[in-house]
Amino acid sequence: MSTQDIARRLVELCRAGAFEQALEELYADDAVSIEPDDIPPGALSNAEGLDAILRKSRRFWGGVETLHSVRCSEPLVAARWFSTALSVDVTFKGVGRIDIREICVYRVRDGLIVLEQFFYDTYEP
């Protein structure tokens, strides 16, 4: 699949809330996931390898009580890179409702995602 094809498929799966399916279908075994540098202690951390990324995703979604909505922009593609704006409105167990808004950047190699990096504020402005 081309980078454009992968980008379109990822957006399609994210909009459907099929995040684990996206990982299993579109990610390389050696993929890397990077969170912002100033992420709070105990929050999500960077992960190397598909198994670690799946565990990270399951940990995140395991803390979600209710998924209210997912919004994902059309992808912007440049060669082997693409990005999308993602907004996930969730209620976390014991925390409350939060609308997470982030820019997601991906790199593709040999028809699979090998890098994802997320950019978002970890504080209230």
PDB file of N, CA and C in Angstrom:
ATOM      1  N   MET A   1       0.843  -1.191   0.000  1.00  0.00           N
ATOM      2  CA  MET A   1       0.000   0.000   0.000  1.00  0.00           C
ATOM      3  C   MET A   1       0.880   1.242   0.000  1.00  0.00           C
ATOM      4  N   SER A   2       0.390   2.276  -0.638  1.00  0.00           N
ATOM      5  CA  SER A   2       1.106   3.548  -0.670  1.00  0.00           C
ATOM      6  C   SER A   2       0.900   4.290   0.652  1.00  0.00           C
ATOM      7  N   THR A   3       1.695   5.319   0.855  1.00  0.00           N
ATOM      8  CA  THR A   3       1.523   6.142   2.053  1.00  0.00           C
ATOM      9  C   THR A   3       0.121   6.733   2.085  1.00  0.00           C
ATOM     10  N   GLN A   4      -0.374   7.188   0.933  1.00  0.00           N
ATOM     11  CA  GLN A   4      -1.727   7.744   0.864  1.00  0.00           C
ATOM     12  C   GLN A   4      -2.765   6.696   1.249  1.00  0.00           C
ATOM     13  N   ASP A   5      -2.609   5.467   0.770  1.00  0.00           N
ATOM     14  CA  ASP A   5      -3.540   4.391   1.105  1.00  0.00           C
ATOM     15  C   ASP A   5      -3.528   4.096   2.604  1.00  0.00           C
ATOM     16  N   ILE A   6      -2.339   4.040   3.187  1.00  0.00           N
ATOM     17  CA  ILE A   6      -2.218   3.763   4.615  1.00  0.00           C
ATOM     18  C   ILE A   6      -2.837   4.901   5.417  1.00  0.00           C
ATOM     19  N   ALA A   7      -2.565   6.129   5.006  1.00  0.00           N
ATOM     20  CA  ALA A   7      -3.120   7.288   5.702  1.00  0.00           C
ATOM     21  C   ALA A   7      -4.648   7.269   5.667  1.00  0.00           C
ATOM     22  N   ARG A   8      -5.207   7.007   4.516  1.00  0.00           N
ATOM     23  CA  ARG A   8      -6.683   6.944   4.395  1.00  0.00           C
ATOM     24  C   ARG A   8      -7.258   5.826   5.265  1.00  0.00           C
ATOM     25  N   ARG A   9      -6.609   4.666   5.252  1.00  0.00           N
ATOM     26  CA  ARG A   9      -7.096   3.528   6.050  1.00  0.00           C
ATOM     27  C   ARG A   9      -6.996   3.825   7.542  1.00  0.00           C
ATOM     28  N   LEU A  10      -5.909   4.439   7.974  1.00  0.00           N
ATOM     29  CA  LEU A  10      -5.768   4.776   9.392  1.00  0.00           C
ATOM     30  C   LEU A  10      -6.871   5.737   9.815  1.00  0.00           C
ATOM     31  N   VAL A  11      -7.122   6.757   9.021  1.00  0.00           N
ATOM     32  CA  VAL A  11      -8.186   7.714   9.344  1.00  0.00           C
ATOM     33  C   VAL A  11      -9.539   7.001   9.408  1.00  0.00           C
ATOM     34  N   GLU A  12      -9.802   6.132   8.456  1.00  0.00           N
ATOM     35  CA  GLU A  12     -11.055   5.371   8.433  1.00  0.00           C
ATOM     36  C   GLU A  12     -11.224   4.551   9.722  1.00  0.00           C
ATOM     37  N   LEU A  13     -10.174   3.832  10.128  1.00  0.00           N
ATOM     38  CA  LEU A  13     -10.255   3.000  11.328  1.00  0.00           C
ATOM     39  C   LEU A  13     -10.361   3.846  12.591  1.00  0.00           C
ATOM     40  N   CYS A  14      -9.623   4.955  12.650  1.00  0.00           N
ATOM     41  CA  CYS A  14      -9.705   5.828  13.827  1.00  0.00           C
ATOM     42  C   CYS A  14     -11.107   6.417  13.965  1.00  0.00           C
ATOM     43  N   ARG A  15     -11.674   6.865  12.873  1.00  0.00           N
ATOM     44  CA  ARG A  15     -13.033   7.432  12.921  1.00  0.00           C
ATOM     45  C   ARG A  15     -14.043   6.400  13.402  1.00  0.00           C
ATOM     46  N   ALA A  16     -13.785   5.130  13.136  1.00  0.00           N
ATOM     47  CA  ALA A  16     -14.668   4.049  13.581  1.00  0.00           C
ATOM     48  C   ALA A  16     -14.355   3.603  15.009  1.00  0.00           C
ATOM     49  N   GLY A  17     -13.314   4.175  15.606  1.00  0.00           N
ATOM     50  CA  GLY A  17     -12.916   3.764  16.957  1.00  0.00           C
ATOM     51  C   GLY A  17     -12.200   2.425  16.974  1.00  0.00           C
ATOM     52  N   ALA A  18     -11.720   1.967  15.826  1.00  0.00           N
ATOM     53  CA  ALA A  18     -11.056   0.661  15.705  1.00  0.00           C
ATOM     54  C   ALA A  18      -9.540   0.836  15.823  1.00  0.00           C
ATOM     55  N   PHE A  19      -9.102   1.345  16.968  1.00  0.00           N
ATOM     56  CA  PHE A  19      -7.689   1.683  17.158  1.00  0.00           C
ATOM     57  C   PHE A  19      -6.794   0.439  17.188  1.00  0.00           C
ATOM     58  N   GLU A  20      -7.225  -0.607  17.868  1.00  0.00           N
ATOM     59  CA  GLU A  20      -6.399  -1.819  17.923  1.00  0.00           C
ATOM     60  C   GLU A  20      -6.310  -2.474  16.546  1.00  0.00           C
ATOM     61  N   GLN A  21      -7.392  -2.484  15.806  1.00  0.00           N
ATOM     62  CA  GLN A  21      -7.361  -3.027  14.448  1.00  0.00           C
ATOM     63  C   GLN A  21      -6.375  -2.243  13.589  1.00  0.00           C
ATOM     64  N   ALA A  22      -6.340  -0.922  13.750  1.00  0.00           N
ATOM     65  CA  ALA A  22      -5.392  -0.096  12.995  1.00  0.00           C
ATOM     66  C   ALA A  22      -3.958  -0.504  13.305  1.00  0.00           C
ATOM     67  N   LEU A  23      -3.655  -0.718  14.577  1.00  0.00           N
ATOM     68  CA  LEU A  23      -2.303  -1.133  14.959  1.00  0.00           C
ATOM     69  C   LEU A  23      -1.954  -2.477  14.334  1.00  0.00           C
ATOM     70  N   GLU A  24      -2.838  -3.432  14.455  1.00  0.00           N
ATOM     71  CA  GLU A  24      -2.565  -4.787  13.963  1.00  0.00           C
ATOM     72  C   GLU A  24      -2.471  -4.840  12.436  1.00  0.00           C
ATOM     73  N   GLU A  25      -3.226  -4.003  11.780  1.00  0.00           N
ATOM     74  CA  GLU A  25      -3.288  -4.040  10.320  1.00  0.00           C
ATOM     75  C   GLU A  25      -2.220  -3.184   9.633  1.00  0.00           C
ATOM     76  N   LEU A  26      -1.859  -2.053  10.226  1.00  0.00           N
ATOM     77  CA  LEU A  26      -1.067  -1.056   9.523  1.00  0.00           C
ATOM     78  C   LEU A  26       0.338  -0.818  10.063  1.00  0.00           C
ATOM     79  N   TYR A  27       0.677  -1.414  11.211  1.00  0.00           N
ATOM     80  CA  TYR A  27       1.961  -1.121  11.856  1.00  0.00           C
ATOM     81  C   TYR A  27       2.972  -2.238  11.643  1.00  0.00           C
ATOM     82  N   ALA A  28       4.241  -1.843  11.492  1.00  0.00           N
ATOM     83  CA  ALA A  28       5.345  -2.796  11.394  1.00  0.00           C
ATOM     84  C   ALA A  28       5.663  -3.349  12.773  1.00  0.00           C
ATOM     85  N   ASP A  29       6.233  -4.540  12.811  1.00  0.00           N
ATOM     86  CA  ASP A  29       6.611  -5.161  14.090  1.00  0.00           C
ATOM     87  C   ASP A  29       7.609  -4.325  14.869  1.00  0.00           C
ATOM     88  N   ASP A  30       8.429  -3.522  14.163  1.00  0.00           N
ATOM     89  CA  ASP A  30       9.450  -2.711  14.837  1.00  0.00           C
ATOM     90  C   ASP A  30       9.052  -1.232  14.950  1.00  0.00           C
ATOM     91  N   ALA A  31       7.764  -0.941  14.870  1.00  0.00           N
ATOM     92  CA  ALA A  31       7.285   0.440  14.949  1.00  0.00           C
ATOM     93  C   ALA A  31       7.640   1.070  16.299  1.00  0.00           C
ATOM     94  N   VAL A  32       7.707   2.393  16.299  1.00  0.00           N
ATOM     95  CA  VAL A  32       8.023   3.169  17.492  1.00  0.00           C
ATOM     96  C   VAL A  32       6.910   4.192  17.713  1.00  0.00           C
ATOM     97  N   SER A  33       6.534   4.390  18.972  1.00  0.00           N
ATOM     98  CA  SER A  33       5.509   5.355  19.353  1.00  0.00           C
ATOM     99  C   SER A  33       6.118   6.359  20.325  1.00  0.00           C
ATOM    100  N   ILE A  34       5.981   7.658  20.020  1.00  0.00           N
ATOM    101  CA  ILE A  34       6.603   8.707  20.827  1.00  0.00           C
ATOM    102  C   ILE A  34       5.547   9.690  21.337  1.00  0.00           C
ATOM    103  N   GLU A  35       5.564   9.909  22.641  1.00  0.00           N
ATOM    104  CA  GLU A  35       4.687  10.878  23.307  1.00  0.00           C
ATOM    105  C   GLU A  35       5.459  12.180  23.543  1.00  0.00           C
ATOM    106  N   PRO A  36       4.776  13.268  23.902  1.00  0.00           N
ATOM    107  CA  PRO A  36       5.466  14.522  24.201  1.00  0.00           C
ATOM    108  C   PRO A  36       6.465  14.373  25.352  1.00  0.00           C
ATOM    109  N   ASP A  37       7.496  15.215  25.335  1.00  0.00           N
ATOM    110  CA  ASP A  37       8.534  15.171  26.373  1.00  0.00           C
ATOM    111  C   ASP A  37       8.004  15.514  27.761  1.00  0.00           C
ATOM    112  N   ASP A  38       7.009  16.400  27.842  1.00  0.00           N
ATOM    113  CA  ASP A  38       6.554  16.879  29.148  1.00  0.00           C
ATOM    114  C   ASP A  38       5.317  16.141  29.670  1.00  0.00           C
ATOM    115  N   ILE A  39       5.164  14.898  29.261  1.00  0.00           N
ATOM    116  CA  ILE A  39       4.015  14.111  29.703  1.00  0.00           C
ATOM    117  C   ILE A  39       4.113  13.852  31.212  1.00  0.00           C
ATOM    118  N   PRO A  40       2.997  13.925  31.923  1.00  0.00           N
ATOM    119  CA  PRO A  40       3.032  13.732  33.380  1.00  0.00           C
ATOM    120  C   PRO A  40       3.467  12.326  33.775  1.00  0.00           C
ATOM    121  N   PRO A  41       4.104  12.191  34.949  1.00  0.00           N
ATOM    122  CA  PRO A  41       4.488  10.859  35.446  1.00  0.00           C
ATOM    123  C   PRO A  41       3.261   9.953  35.558  1.00  0.00           C
ATOM    124  N   GLY A  42       3.432   8.699  35.211  1.00  0.00           N
ATOM    125  CA  GLY A  42       2.339   7.743  35.291  1.00  0.00           C
ATOM    126  C   GLY A  42       1.448   7.723  34.062  1.00  0.00           C
ATOM    127  N   ALA A  43       1.642   8.690  33.175  1.00  0.00           N
ATOM    128  CA  ALA A  43       0.849   8.723  31.945  1.00  0.00           C
ATOM    129  C   ALA A  43       1.486   7.783  30.926  1.00  0.00           C
ATOM    130  N   LEU A  44       1.004   7.849  29.718  1.00  0.00           N
ATOM    131  CA  LEU A  44       1.553   6.991  28.663  1.00  0.00           C
ATOM    132  C   LEU A  44       3.010   7.318  28.412  1.00  0.00           C
ATOM    133  N   SER A  45       3.760   6.330  27.999  1.00  0.00           N
ATOM    134  CA  SER A  45       5.171   6.543  27.710  1.00  0.00           C
ATOM    135  C   SER A  45       5.475   6.078  26.290  1.00  0.00           C
ATOM    136  N   ASN A  46       6.683   6.353  25.841  1.00  0.00           N
ATOM    137  CA  ASN A  46       7.120   5.892  24.526  1.00  0.00           C
ATOM    138  C   ASN A  46       7.121   4.370  24.504  1.00  0.00           C
ATOM    139  N   ALA A  47       7.002   3.818  23.306  1.00  0.00           N
ATOM    140  CA  ALA A  47       6.989   2.358  23.168  1.00  0.00           C
ATOM    141  C   ALA A  47       7.736   1.972  21.900  1.00  0.00           C
ATOM    142  N   GLU A  48       8.480   0.875  21.991  1.00  0.00           N
ATOM    143  CA  GLU A  48       9.202   0.349  20.833  1.00  0.00           C
ATOM    144  C   GLU A  48       8.737  -1.069  20.552  1.00  0.00           C
ATOM    145  N   GLY A  49       8.308  -1.302  19.317  1.00  0.00           N
ATOM    146  CA  GLY A  49       7.805  -2.608  18.909  1.00  0.00           C
ATOM    147  C   GLY A  49       6.295  -2.663  18.974  1.00  0.00           C
ATOM    148  N   LEU A  50       5.703  -3.397  18.052  1.00  0.00           N
ATOM    149  CA  LEU A  50       4.248  -3.472  17.965  1.00  0.00           C
ATOM    150  C   LEU A  50       3.627  -4.018  19.245  1.00  0.00           C
ATOM    151  N   ASP A  51       4.227  -5.040  19.849  1.00  0.00           N
ATOM    152  CA  ASP A  51       3.658  -5.592  21.083  1.00  0.00           C
ATOM    153  C   ASP A  51       3.593  -4.537  22.179  1.00  0.00           C
ATOM    154  N   ALA A  52       4.638  -3.735  22.320  1.00  0.00           N
ATOM    155  CA  ALA A  52       4.664  -2.677  23.332  1.00  0.00           C
ATOM    156  C   ALA A  52       3.642  -1.585  23.009  1.00  0.00           C
ATOM    157  N   ILE A  53       3.480  -1.273  21.728  1.00  0.00           N
ATOM    158  CA  ILE A  53       2.498  -0.259  21.324  1.00  0.00           C
ATOM    159  C   ILE A  53       1.086  -0.766  21.598  1.00  0.00           C
ATOM    160  N   LEU A  54       0.831  -2.044  21.325  1.00  0.00           N
ATOM    161  CA  LEU A  54      -0.478  -2.627  21.641  1.00  0.00           C
ATOM    162  C   LEU A  54      -0.759  -2.571  23.143  1.00  0.00           C
ATOM    163  N   ARG A  55       0.252  -2.893  23.976  1.00  0.00           N
ATOM    164  CA  ARG A  55       0.072  -2.812  25.440  1.00  0.00           C
ATOM    165  C   ARG A  55      -0.220  -1.379  25.871  1.00  0.00           C
ATOM    166  N   LYS A  56       0.489  -0.442  25.286  1.00  0.00           N
ATOM    167  CA  LYS A  56       0.276   0.979  25.586  1.00  0.00           C
ATOM    168  C   LYS A  56      -1.154   1.385  25.230  1.00  0.00           C
ATOM    169  N   SER A  57      -1.614   0.986  24.063  1.00  0.00           N
ATOM    170  CA  SER A  57      -2.969   1.306  23.623  1.00  0.00           C
ATOM    171  C   SER A  57      -4.010   0.674  24.540  1.00  0.00           C
ATOM    172  N   ARG A  58      -3.806  -0.580  24.893  1.00  0.00           N
ATOM    173  CA  ARG A  58      -4.758  -1.272  25.778  1.00  0.00           C
ATOM    174  C   ARG A  58      -4.794  -0.623  27.156  1.00  0.00           C
ATOM    175  N   ARG A  59      -3.641  -0.163  27.624  1.00  0.00           N
ATOM    176  CA  ARG A  59      -3.589   0.536  28.919  1.00  0.00           C
ATOM    177  C   ARG A  59      -4.405   1.825  28.851  1.00  0.00           C
ATOM    178  N   PHE A  60      -4.209   2.595  27.771  1.00  0.00           N
ATOM    179  CA  PHE A  60      -4.956   3.840  27.599  1.00  0.00           C
ATOM    180  C   PHE A  60      -6.453   3.561  27.558  1.00  0.00           C
ATOM    181  N   TRP A  61      -6.869   2.674  26.643  1.00  0.00           N
ATOM    182  CA  TRP A  61      -8.302   2.416  26.470  1.00  0.00           C
ATOM    183  C   TRP A  61      -8.906   1.696  27.670  1.00  0.00           C
ATOM    184  N   GLY A  62      -8.090   0.965  28.422  1.00  0.00           N
ATOM    185  CA  GLY A  62      -8.578   0.327  29.633  1.00  0.00           C
ATOM    186  C   GLY A  62      -8.975   1.321  30.706  1.00  0.00           C
ATOM    187  N   GLY A  63      -8.431   2.528  30.641  1.00  0.00           N
ATOM    188  CA  GLY A  63      -8.773   3.577  31.591  1.00  0.00           C
ATOM    189  C   GLY A  63      -9.968   4.414  31.174  1.00  0.00           C
ATOM    190  N   VAL A  64     -10.499   4.118  29.995  1.00  0.00           N
ATOM    191  CA  VAL A  64     -11.623   4.891  29.472  1.00  0.00           C
ATOM    192  C   VAL A  64     -12.941   4.256  29.909  1.00  0.00           C
ATOM    193  N   GLU A  65     -13.769   5.079  30.519  1.00  0.00           N
ATOM    194  CA  GLU A  65     -15.118   4.639  30.917  1.00  0.00           C
ATOM    195  C   GLU A  65     -16.085   4.770  29.749  1.00  0.00           C
ATOM    196  N   THR A  66     -16.022   5.919  29.043  1.00  0.00           N
ATOM    197  CA  THR A  66     -16.928   6.179  27.921  1.00  0.00           C
ATOM    198  C   THR A  66     -16.179   6.905  26.813  1.00  0.00           C
ATOM    199  N   LEU A  67     -16.326   6.416  25.597  1.00  0.00           N
ATOM    200  CA  LEU A  67     -15.823   7.112  24.421  1.00  0.00           C
ATOM    201  C   LEU A  67     -17.005   7.871  23.830  1.00  0.00           C
ATOM    202  N   HIS A  68     -16.954   9.205  23.917  1.00  0.00           N
ATOM    203  CA  HIS A  68     -18.065  10.033  23.447  1.00  0.00           C
ATOM    204  C   HIS A  68     -17.974  10.310  21.954  1.00  0.00           C
ATOM    205  N   SER A  69     -16.758  10.604  21.480  1.00  0.00           N
ATOM    206  CA  SER A  69     -16.602  10.865  20.048  1.00  0.00           C
ATOM    207  C   SER A  69     -15.132  10.801  19.661  1.00  0.00           C
ATOM    208  N   VAL A  70     -14.937  10.555  18.365  1.00  0.00           N
ATOM    209  CA  VAL A  70     -13.610  10.587  17.756  1.00  0.00           C
ATOM    210  C   VAL A  70     -13.737  11.427  16.493  1.00  0.00           C
ATOM    211  N   ARG A  71     -12.852  12.407  16.379  1.00  0.00           N
ATOM    212  CA  ARG A  71     -12.800  13.217  15.169  1.00  0.00           C
ATOM    213  C   ARG A  71     -11.372  13.139  14.631  1.00  0.00           C
ATOM    214  N   CYS A  72     -11.270  12.925  13.332  1.00  0.00           N
ATOM    215  CA  CYS A  72      -9.955  12.782  12.717  1.00  0.00           C
ATOM    216  C   CYS A  72      -9.981  13.522  11.381  1.00  0.00           C
ATOM    217  N   SER A  73      -9.031  14.435  11.200  1.00  0.00           N
ATOM    218  CA  SER A  73      -8.982  15.200   9.954  1.00  0.00           C
ATOM    219  C   SER A  73      -8.541  14.310   8.792  1.00  0.00           C
ATOM    220  N   GLU A  74      -8.732  14.822   7.602  1.00  0.00           N
ATOM    221  CA  GLU A  74      -8.178  14.157   6.435  1.00  0.00           C
ATOM    222  C   GLU A  74      -6.654  14.191   6.562  1.00  0.00           C
ATOM    223  N   PRO A  75      -5.961  13.164   6.100  1.00  0.00           N
ATOM    224  CA  PRO A  75      -4.508  13.146   6.231  1.00  0.00           C
ATOM    225  C   PRO A  75      -3.820  14.103   5.260  1.00  0.00           C
ATOM    226  N   LEU A  76      -2.698  14.617   5.704  1.00  0.00           N
ATOM    227  CA  LEU A  76      -1.815  15.425   4.878  1.00  0.00           C
ATOM    228  C   LEU A  76      -0.587  14.569   4.604  1.00  0.00           C
ATOM    229  N   VAL A  77      -0.314  14.263   3.334  1.00  0.00           N
ATOM    230  CA  VAL A  77       0.726  13.306   2.962  1.00  0.00           C
ATOM    231  C   VAL A  77       1.873  14.003   2.236  1.00  0.00           C
ATOM    232  N   ALA A  78       3.107  13.632   2.609  1.00  0.00           N
ATOM    233  CA  ALA A  78       4.316  14.110   1.935  1.00  0.00           C
ATOM    234  C   ALA A  78       5.300  12.948   1.874  1.00  0.00           C
ATOM    235  N   ALA A  79       5.434  12.355   0.699  1.00  0.00           N
ATOM    236  CA  ALA A  79       6.335  11.212   0.483  1.00  0.00           C
ATOM    237  C   ALA A  79       5.981  10.080   1.444  1.00  0.00           C
ATOM    238  N   ARG A  80       6.891   9.710   2.354  1.00  0.00           N
ATOM    239  CA  ARG A  80       6.642   8.600   3.292  1.00  0.00           C
ATOM    240  C   ARG A  80       6.095   9.077   4.631  1.00  0.00           C
ATOM    241  N   TRP A  81       5.679  10.324   4.725  1.00  0.00           N
ATOM    242  CA  TRP A  81       5.162  10.891   5.968  1.00  0.00           C
ATOM    243  C   TRP A  81       3.714  11.317   5.778  1.00  0.00           C
ATOM    244  N   PHE A  82       2.949  11.268   6.867  1.00  0.00           N
ATOM    245  CA  PHE A  82       1.617  11.881   6.849  1.00  0.00           C
ATOM    246  C   PHE A  82       1.262  12.317   8.265  1.00  0.00           C
ATOM    247  N   SER A  83       0.299  13.221   8.323  1.00  0.00           N
ATOM    248  CA  SER A  83      -0.164  13.702   9.621  1.00  0.00           C
ATOM    249  C   SER A  83      -1.672  13.862   9.589  1.00  0.00           C
ATOM    250  N   THR A  84      -2.239  13.909  10.771  1.00  0.00           N
ATOM    251  CA  THR A  84      -3.665  14.136  10.923  1.00  0.00           C
ATOM    252  C   THR A  84      -3.903  14.794  12.274  1.00  0.00           C
ATOM    253  N   ALA A  85      -4.970  15.551  12.376  1.00  0.00           N
ATOM    254  CA  ALA A  85      -5.396  16.107  13.662  1.00  0.00           C
ATOM    255  C   ALA A  85      -6.441  15.152  14.231  1.00  0.00           C
ATOM    256  N   LEU A  86      -6.262  14.789  15.493  1.00  0.00           N
ATOM    257  CA  LEU A  86      -7.152  13.824  16.146  1.00  0.00           C
ATOM    258  C   LEU A  86      -7.721  14.441  17.407  1.00  0.00           C
ATOM    259  N   SER A  87      -9.014  14.271  17.603  1.00  0.00           N
ATOM    260  CA  SER A  87      -9.668  14.697  18.830  1.00  0.00           C
ATOM    261  C   SER A  87     -10.472  13.523  19.358  1.00  0.00           C
ATOM    262  N   VAL A  88     -10.206  13.155  20.601  1.00  0.00           N
ATOM    263  CA  VAL A  88     -10.890  12.038  21.234  1.00  0.00           C
ATOM    264  C   VAL A  88     -11.541  12.563  22.512  1.00  0.00           C
ATOM    265  N   ASP A  89     -12.868  12.538  22.556  1.00  0.00           N
ATOM    266  CA  ASP A  89     -13.631  12.990  23.721  1.00  0.00           C
ATOM    267  C   ASP A  89     -13.971  11.756  24.546  1.00  0.00           C
ATOM    268  N   VAL A  90     -13.342  11.638  25.724  1.00  0.00           N
ATOM    269  CA  VAL A  90     -13.502  10.455  26.559  1.00  0.00           C
ATOM    270  C   VAL A  90     -13.768  10.835  28.005  1.00  0.00           C
ATOM    271  N   THR A  91     -14.415   9.921  28.711  1.00  0.00           N
ATOM    272  CA  THR A  91     -14.506  10.007  30.159  1.00  0.00           C
ATOM    273  C   THR A  91     -13.615   8.914  30.717  1.00  0.00           C
ATOM    274  N   PHE A  92     -12.605   9.338  31.499  1.00  0.00           N
ATOM    275  CA  PHE A  92     -11.696   8.384  32.134  1.00  0.00           C
ATOM    276  C   PHE A  92     -12.258   7.952  33.481  1.00  0.00           C
ATOM    277  N   LYS A  93     -12.064   6.700  33.804  1.00  0.00           N
ATOM    278  CA  LYS A  93     -12.469   6.167  35.100  1.00  0.00           C
ATOM    279  C   LYS A  93     -11.788   6.964  36.206  1.00  0.00           C
ATOM    280  N   GLY A  94     -12.569   7.508  37.111  1.00  0.00           N
ATOM    281  CA  GLY A  94     -12.034   8.225  38.257  1.00  0.00           C
ATOM    282  C   GLY A  94     -11.432   9.578  37.959  1.00  0.00           C
ATOM    283  N   VAL A  95     -11.498  10.026  36.722  1.00  0.00           N
ATOM    284  CA  VAL A  95     -10.892  11.313  36.361  1.00  0.00           C
ATOM    285  C   VAL A  95     -11.929  12.291  35.834  1.00  0.00           C
ATOM    286  N   GLY A  96     -12.777  11.815  34.939  1.00  0.00           N
ATOM    287  CA  GLY A  96     -13.777  12.681  34.324  1.00  0.00           C
ATOM    288  C   GLY A  96     -13.594  12.784  32.830  1.00  0.00           C
ATOM    289  N   ARG A  97     -14.347  13.702  32.279  1.00  0.00           N
ATOM    290  CA  ARG A  97     -14.401  13.854  30.824  1.00  0.00           C
ATOM    291  C   ARG A  97     -13.303  14.798  30.337  1.00  0.00           C
ATOM    292  N   ILE A  98     -12.619  14.382  29.273  1.00  0.00           N
ATOM    293  CA  ILE A  98     -11.529  15.154  28.685  1.00  0.00           C
ATOM    294  C   ILE A  98     -11.622  15.050  27.167  1.00  0.00           C
ATOM    295  N   ASP A  99     -11.442  16.171  26.497  1.00  0.00           N
ATOM    296  CA  ASP A  99     -11.370  16.188  25.034  1.00  0.00           C
ATOM    297  C   ASP A  99      -9.902  16.337  24.662  1.00  0.00           C
ATOM    298  N   ILE A 100      -9.288  15.255  24.243  1.00  0.00           N
ATOM    299  CA  ILE A 100      -7.866  15.233  23.907  1.00  0.00           C
ATOM    300  C   ILE A 100      -7.718  15.638  22.448  1.00  0.00           C
ATOM    301  N   ARG A 101      -6.940  16.689  22.205  1.00  0.00           N
ATOM    302  CA  ARG A 101      -6.716  17.175  20.839  1.00  0.00           C
ATOM    303  C   ARG A 101      -5.226  17.131  20.552  1.00  0.00           C
ATOM    304  N   GLU A 102      -4.877  16.482  19.441  1.00  0.00           N
ATOM    305  CA  GLU A 102      -3.462  16.299  19.143  1.00  0.00           C
ATOM    306  C   GLU A 102      -3.202  16.272  17.643  1.00  0.00           C
ATOM    307  N   ILE A 103      -1.948  16.526  17.312  1.00  0.00           N
ATOM    308  CA  ILE A 103      -1.451  16.328  15.953  1.00  0.00           C
ATOM    309  C   ILE A 103      -0.670  15.017  15.979  1.00  0.00           C
ATOM    310  N   CYS A 104      -0.969  14.147  15.040  1.00  0.00           N
ATOM    311  CA  CYS A 104      -0.321  12.837  14.956  1.00  0.00           C
ATOM    312  C   CYS A 104       0.493  12.795  13.663  1.00  0.00           C
ATOM    313  N   VAL A 105       1.764  12.420  13.787  1.00  0.00           N
ATOM    314  CA  VAL A 105       2.655  12.346  12.632  1.00  0.00           C
ATOM    315  C   VAL A 105       3.129  10.902  12.493  1.00  0.00           C
ATOM    316  N   TYR A 106       3.139  10.415  11.250  1.00  0.00           N
ATOM    317  CA  TYR A 106       3.471   9.018  10.980  1.00  0.00           C
ATOM    318  C   TYR A 106       4.511   8.931   9.865  1.00  0.00           C
ATOM    319  N   ARG A 107       5.361   7.909   9.966  1.00  0.00           N
ATOM    320  CA  ARG A 107       6.303   7.594   8.890  1.00  0.00           C
ATOM    321  C   ARG A 107       6.006   6.181   8.397  1.00  0.00           C
ATOM    322  N   VAL A 108       6.059   5.993   7.097  1.00  0.00           N
ATOM    323  CA  VAL A 108       5.743   4.715   6.464  1.00  0.00           C
ATOM    324  C   VAL A 108       7.002   4.159   5.804  1.00  0.00           C
ATOM    325  N   ARG A 109       7.198   2.846   5.971  1.00  0.00           N
ATOM    326  CA  ARG A 109       8.289   2.133   5.294  1.00  0.00           C
ATOM    327  C   ARG A 109       7.742   0.784   4.838  1.00  0.00           C
ATOM    328  N   ASP A 110       8.004   0.443   3.599  1.00  0.00           N
ATOM    329  CA  ASP A 110       7.584  -0.856   3.052  1.00  0.00           C
ATOM    330  C   ASP A 110       6.108  -1.150   3.288  1.00  0.00           C
ATOM    331  N   GLY A 111       5.268  -0.126   3.151  1.00  0.00           N
ATOM    332  CA  GLY A 111       3.830  -0.315   3.240  1.00  0.00           C
ATOM    333  C   GLY A 111       3.270  -0.427   4.643  1.00  0.00           C
ATOM    334  N   LEU A 112       4.065  -0.093   5.670  1.00  0.00           N
ATOM    335  CA  LEU A 112       3.581  -0.153   7.053  1.00  0.00           C
ATOM    336  C   LEU A 112       4.057   1.076   7.829  1.00  0.00           C
ATOM    337  N   ILE A 113       3.335   1.430   8.862  1.00  0.00           N
ATOM    338  CA  ILE A 113       3.731   2.540   9.727  1.00  0.00           C
ATOM    339  C   ILE A 113       4.871   2.069  10.621  1.00  0.00           C
ATOM    340  N   VAL A 114       5.971   2.837  10.628  1.00  0.00           N
ATOM    341  CA  VAL A 114       7.132   2.493  11.451  1.00  0.00           C
ATOM    342  C   VAL A 114       7.362   3.496  12.575  1.00  0.00           C
ATOM    343  N   LEU A 115       6.680   4.648  12.515  1.00  0.00           N
ATOM    344  CA  LEU A 115       6.816   5.661  13.551  1.00  0.00           C
ATOM    345  C   LEU A 115       5.519   6.420  13.697  1.00  0.00           C
ATOM    346  N   GLU A 116       5.110   6.619  14.945  1.00  0.00           N
ATOM    347  CA  GLU A 116       4.018   7.542  15.240  1.00  0.00           C
ATOM    348  C   GLU A 116       4.531   8.474  16.328  1.00  0.00           C
ATOM    349  N   GLN A 117       4.218   9.753  16.172  1.00  0.00           N
ATOM    350  CA  GLN A 117       4.609  10.724  17.194  1.00  0.00           C
ATOM    351  C   GLN A 117       3.441  11.665  17.410  1.00  0.00           C
ATOM    352  N   PHE A 118       3.127  11.895  18.695  1.00  0.00           N
ATOM    353  CA  PHE A 118       1.973  12.692  19.067  1.00  0.00           C
ATOM    354  C   PHE A 118       2.407  14.022  19.663  1.00  0.00           C
ATOM    355  N   PHE A 119       1.710  15.078  19.264  1.00  0.00           N
ATOM    356  CA  PHE A 119       1.981  16.427  19.754  1.00  0.00           C
ATOM    357  C   PHE A 119       0.694  16.980  20.360  1.00  0.00           C
ATOM    358  N   TYR A 120       0.742  17.242  21.657  1.00  0.00           N
ATOM    359  CA  TYR A 120      -0.403  17.820  22.354  1.00  0.00           C
ATOM    360  C   TYR A 120       0.079  18.478  23.624  1.00  0.00           C
ATOM    361  N   ASP A 121      -0.716  19.415  24.127  1.00  0.00           N
ATOM    362  CA  ASP A 121      -0.389  20.071  25.387  1.00  0.00           C
ATOM    363  C   ASP A 121      -0.758  19.147  26.539  1.00  0.00           C
ATOM    364  N   THR A 122       0.127  19.046  27.503  1.00  0.00           N
ATOM    365  CA  THR A 122      -0.154  18.197  28.663  1.00  0.00           C
ATOM    366  C   THR A 122      -0.563  19.030  29.857  1.00  0.00           C
ATOM    367  N   TYR A 123      -0.998  20.257  29.604  1.00  0.00           N
ATOM    368  CA  TYR A 123      -1.447  21.155  30.648  1.00  0.00           C
ATOM    369  C   TYR A 123      -2.625  21.952  30.126  1.00  0.00           C
ATOM    370  N   GLU A 124      -3.370  22.565  31.026  1.00  0.00           N
ATOM    371  CA  GLU A 124      -4.473  23.425  30.628  1.00  0.00           C
ATOM    372  C   GLU A 124      -3.930  24.821  30.380  1.00  0.00           C
ATOM    373  N   PRO A 125      -4.152  25.423  29.207  1.00  0.00           N
ATOM    374  CA  PRO A 125      -3.647  26.781  28.919  1.00  0.00           C
ATOM    375  C   PRO A 125      -4.355  27.835  29.741  1.00  0.00           C
TER     376      PRO A 125
END
